[in-house]
Structure formats: structure tokens, C-alpha cells
Amino acid sequence: MASVHHKYKTRGTCSTQIEFDMDTDTKVVRNITFQNGCDGNLKAIAALADGLDAPSIISKCGSIRCGSKNTSCSAQLALALRKAETEKD
């Protein structure tokens, strides 16, 4: 069970970067942190998603929008996880 640390630069959101660890076998995500953005909300997203597998988070968060924006911090997390799933170790 190897865990890989990932960094993802967000686009179109108040948060500017997401970092997390993902298990290469189970795709379980841990230690999610957001830089900048709505501190309390992003801590809540990170806490609720911690320990879930990437496909579950992607399914739940991928289509969430923030106000009139075409994306959200949650949707950016889903994009980051999709990218991490396709990266080679």
C-alpha cells in the first residue's frame, strides 16, 4: 500500500492549490488541504472527503458549482483526483 503525494493548481476558484495523498492501490484519499479560499468550508470538504476513495469523491463533487462560476473548489478537487488517477507512479 503505497501513498503518493499530489499537488494540483486550481483554476477558476478562490483556492489556488489542492494537496492530498492517494493510495496507489485502493485510491483512498487522505490529508487533503486547500490553499486560500473559504477556510471553514474547505476544511469541512477536506474532513468529509478524508478516507474516501477517489471515485466516490469524484462522483459526489464533480458537478458542484460555486455561484455563477463554472466550477467550485469541490469540483476542482474532483479534477485533481481524476488527474492523479491517470498519473504514473
C-alpha atoms as a PDB file:
ATOM      1  CA  MET A   1       0.000   0.000   0.000  1.00  0.00           C
ATOM      2  CA  ALA A   2       1.959   2.986  -1.267  1.00  0.00           C
ATOM      3  CA  SER A   3       0.702   6.511  -0.869  1.00  0.00           C
ATOM      4  CA  VAL A   4       1.654   9.245  -3.330  1.00  0.00           C
ATOM      5  CA  HIS A   5       1.507  12.980  -2.540  1.00  0.00           C
ATOM      6  CA  HIS A   6      -0.157  15.123  -5.211  1.00  0.00           C
ATOM      7  CA  LYS A   7      -0.335  18.874  -5.829  1.00  0.00           C
ATOM      8  CA  TYR A   8      -2.903  20.441  -8.145  1.00  0.00           C
ATOM      9  CA  LYS A   9      -3.135  24.102  -9.188  1.00  0.00           C
ATOM     10  CA  THR A  10      -6.810  25.058  -9.289  1.00  0.00           C
ATOM     11  CA  ARG A  11      -8.496  27.189 -11.935  1.00  0.00           C
ATOM     12  CA  GLY A  12     -11.480  29.495 -11.598  1.00  0.00           C
ATOM     13  CA  THR A  13     -11.741  29.307  -7.798  1.00  0.00           C
ATOM     14  CA  CYS A  14     -10.663  31.306  -4.775  1.00  0.00           C
ATOM     15  CA  SER A  15      -8.472  28.419  -3.643  1.00  0.00           C
ATOM     16  CA  THR A  16      -5.246  28.265  -5.611  1.00  0.00           C
ATOM     17  CA  GLN A  17      -3.882  24.793  -4.888  1.00  0.00           C
ATOM     18  CA  ILE A  18      -5.004  21.439  -3.521  1.00  0.00           C
ATOM     19  CA  GLU A  19      -2.667  18.876  -1.974  1.00  0.00           C
ATOM     20  CA  PHE A  20      -3.523  15.327  -0.958  1.00  0.00           C
ATOM     21  CA  ASP A  21      -2.167  11.807  -0.552  1.00  0.00           C
ATOM     22  CA  MET A  22      -3.681   8.936  -2.535  1.00  0.00           C
ATOM     23  CA  ASP A  23      -3.102   5.234  -2.004  1.00  0.00           C
ATOM     24  CA  THR A  24      -1.977   3.752  -5.317  1.00  0.00           C
ATOM     25  CA  ASP A  25      -3.922   0.510  -4.838  1.00  0.00           C
ATOM     26  CA  THR A  26      -7.164   1.489  -3.122  1.00  0.00           C
ATOM     27  CA  LYS A  27      -7.360   5.107  -4.387  1.00  0.00           C
ATOM     28  CA  VAL A  28      -8.206   6.189  -0.820  1.00  0.00           C
ATOM     29  CA  VAL A  29      -7.511   9.895  -0.334  1.00  0.00           C
ATOM     30  CA  ARG A  30      -6.086  11.424   2.851  1.00  0.00           C
ATOM     31  CA  ASN A  31      -4.524  14.670   4.103  1.00  0.00           C
ATOM     32  CA  ILE A  32      -6.447  16.987   1.772  1.00  0.00           C
ATOM     33  CA  THR A  33      -5.506  20.649   2.092  1.00  0.00           C
ATOM     34  CA  PHE A  34      -6.577  23.708   0.119  1.00  0.00           C
ATOM     35  CA  GLN A  35      -4.544  26.903  -0.149  1.00  0.00           C
ATOM     36  CA  ASN A  36      -6.540  30.131   0.059  1.00  0.00           C
ATOM     37  CA  GLY A  37     -10.305  30.226  -0.399  1.00  0.00           C
ATOM     38  CA  CYS A  38     -13.074  29.907   2.210  1.00  0.00           C
ATOM     39  CA  ASP A  39     -11.157  28.425   5.127  1.00  0.00           C
ATOM     40  CA  GLY A  40     -14.029  26.861   7.072  1.00  0.00           C
ATOM     41  CA  ASN A  41     -15.799  25.418   4.046  1.00  0.00           C
ATOM     42  CA  LEU A  42     -12.610  23.963   2.621  1.00  0.00           C
ATOM     43  CA  LYS A  43     -11.671  22.403   5.946  1.00  0.00           C
ATOM     44  CA  ALA A  44     -15.140  20.811   6.001  1.00  0.00           C
ATOM     45  CA  ILE A  45     -14.750  19.445   2.461  1.00  0.00           C
ATOM     46  CA  ALA A  46     -11.338  18.027   3.364  1.00  0.00           C
ATOM     47  CA  ALA A  47     -12.647  16.436   6.567  1.00  0.00           C
ATOM     48  CA  LEU A  48     -15.694  14.891   4.871  1.00  0.00           C
ATOM     49  CA  ALA A  49     -13.653  13.521   1.953  1.00  0.00           C
ATOM     50  CA  ASP A  50     -10.766  12.189   4.068  1.00  0.00           C
ATOM     51  CA  GLY A  51     -10.668   8.388   3.933  1.00  0.00           C
ATOM     52  CA  LEU A  52     -12.986   8.067   0.928  1.00  0.00           C
ATOM     53  CA  ASP A  53     -11.839   6.590  -2.366  1.00  0.00           C
ATOM     54  CA  ALA A  54     -11.271   8.905  -5.314  1.00  0.00           C
ATOM     55  CA  PRO A  55     -14.186   7.589  -7.445  1.00  0.00           C
ATOM     56  CA  SER A  56     -16.649   8.328  -4.619  1.00  0.00           C
ATOM     57  CA  ILE A  57     -15.362  11.883  -4.172  1.00  0.00           C
ATOM     58  CA  ILE A  58     -15.374  12.491  -7.935  1.00  0.00           C
ATOM     59  CA  SER A  59     -18.951  11.243  -8.188  1.00  0.00           C
ATOM     60  CA  LYS A  60     -20.173  13.446  -5.331  1.00  0.00           C
ATOM     61  CA  CYS A  61     -18.192  16.618  -6.054  1.00  0.00           C
ATOM     62  CA  GLY A  62     -17.511  16.731  -9.775  1.00  0.00           C
ATOM     63  CA  SER A  63     -20.582  18.721 -10.827  1.00  0.00           C
ATOM     64  CA  ILE A  64     -20.798  21.213  -7.939  1.00  0.00           C
ATOM     65  CA  ARG A  65     -20.704  24.869  -8.981  1.00  0.00           C
ATOM     66  CA  CYS A  66     -19.973  27.949  -6.865  1.00  0.00           C
ATOM     67  CA  GLY A  67     -22.428  30.748  -7.565  1.00  0.00           C
ATOM     68  CA  SER A  68     -22.226  31.799 -11.203  1.00  0.00           C
ATOM     69  CA  LYS A  69     -18.817  30.160 -11.709  1.00  0.00           C
ATOM     70  CA  ASN A  70     -18.493  27.113 -13.960  1.00  0.00           C
ATOM     71  CA  THR A  71     -16.593  25.277 -11.211  1.00  0.00           C
ATOM     72  CA  SER A  72     -16.064  25.156  -7.449  1.00  0.00           C
ATOM     73  CA  CYS A  73     -13.361  24.090  -5.035  1.00  0.00           C
ATOM     74  CA  SER A  74     -15.162  20.742  -4.723  1.00  0.00           C
ATOM     75  CA  ALA A  75     -15.219  20.295  -8.499  1.00  0.00           C
ATOM     76  CA  GLN A  76     -11.538  21.230  -8.645  1.00  0.00           C
ATOM     77  CA  LEU A  77     -10.826  18.507  -6.085  1.00  0.00           C
ATOM     78  CA  ALA A  78     -12.629  16.042  -8.366  1.00  0.00           C
ATOM     79  CA  LEU A  79     -10.497  17.188 -11.324  1.00  0.00           C
ATOM     80  CA  ALA A  80      -7.329  16.841  -9.235  1.00  0.00           C
ATOM     81  CA  LEU A  81      -8.295  13.294  -8.277  1.00  0.00           C
ATOM     82  CA  ARG A  82      -9.076  12.339 -11.892  1.00  0.00           C
ATOM     83  CA  LYS A  83      -5.655  13.622 -12.898  1.00  0.00           C
ATOM     84  CA  ALA A  84      -3.964  11.745 -10.051  1.00  0.00           C
ATOM     85  CA  GLU A  85      -5.716   8.507 -11.029  1.00  0.00           C
ATOM     86  CA  THR A  86      -4.192   8.689 -14.510  1.00  0.00           C
ATOM     87  CA  GLU A  87      -0.653   9.646 -13.464  1.00  0.00           C
ATOM     88  CA  LYS A  88       2.055   7.004 -13.477  1.00  0.00           C
ATOM     89  CA  ASP A  89       3.970   6.485 -10.232  1.00  0.00           C
END
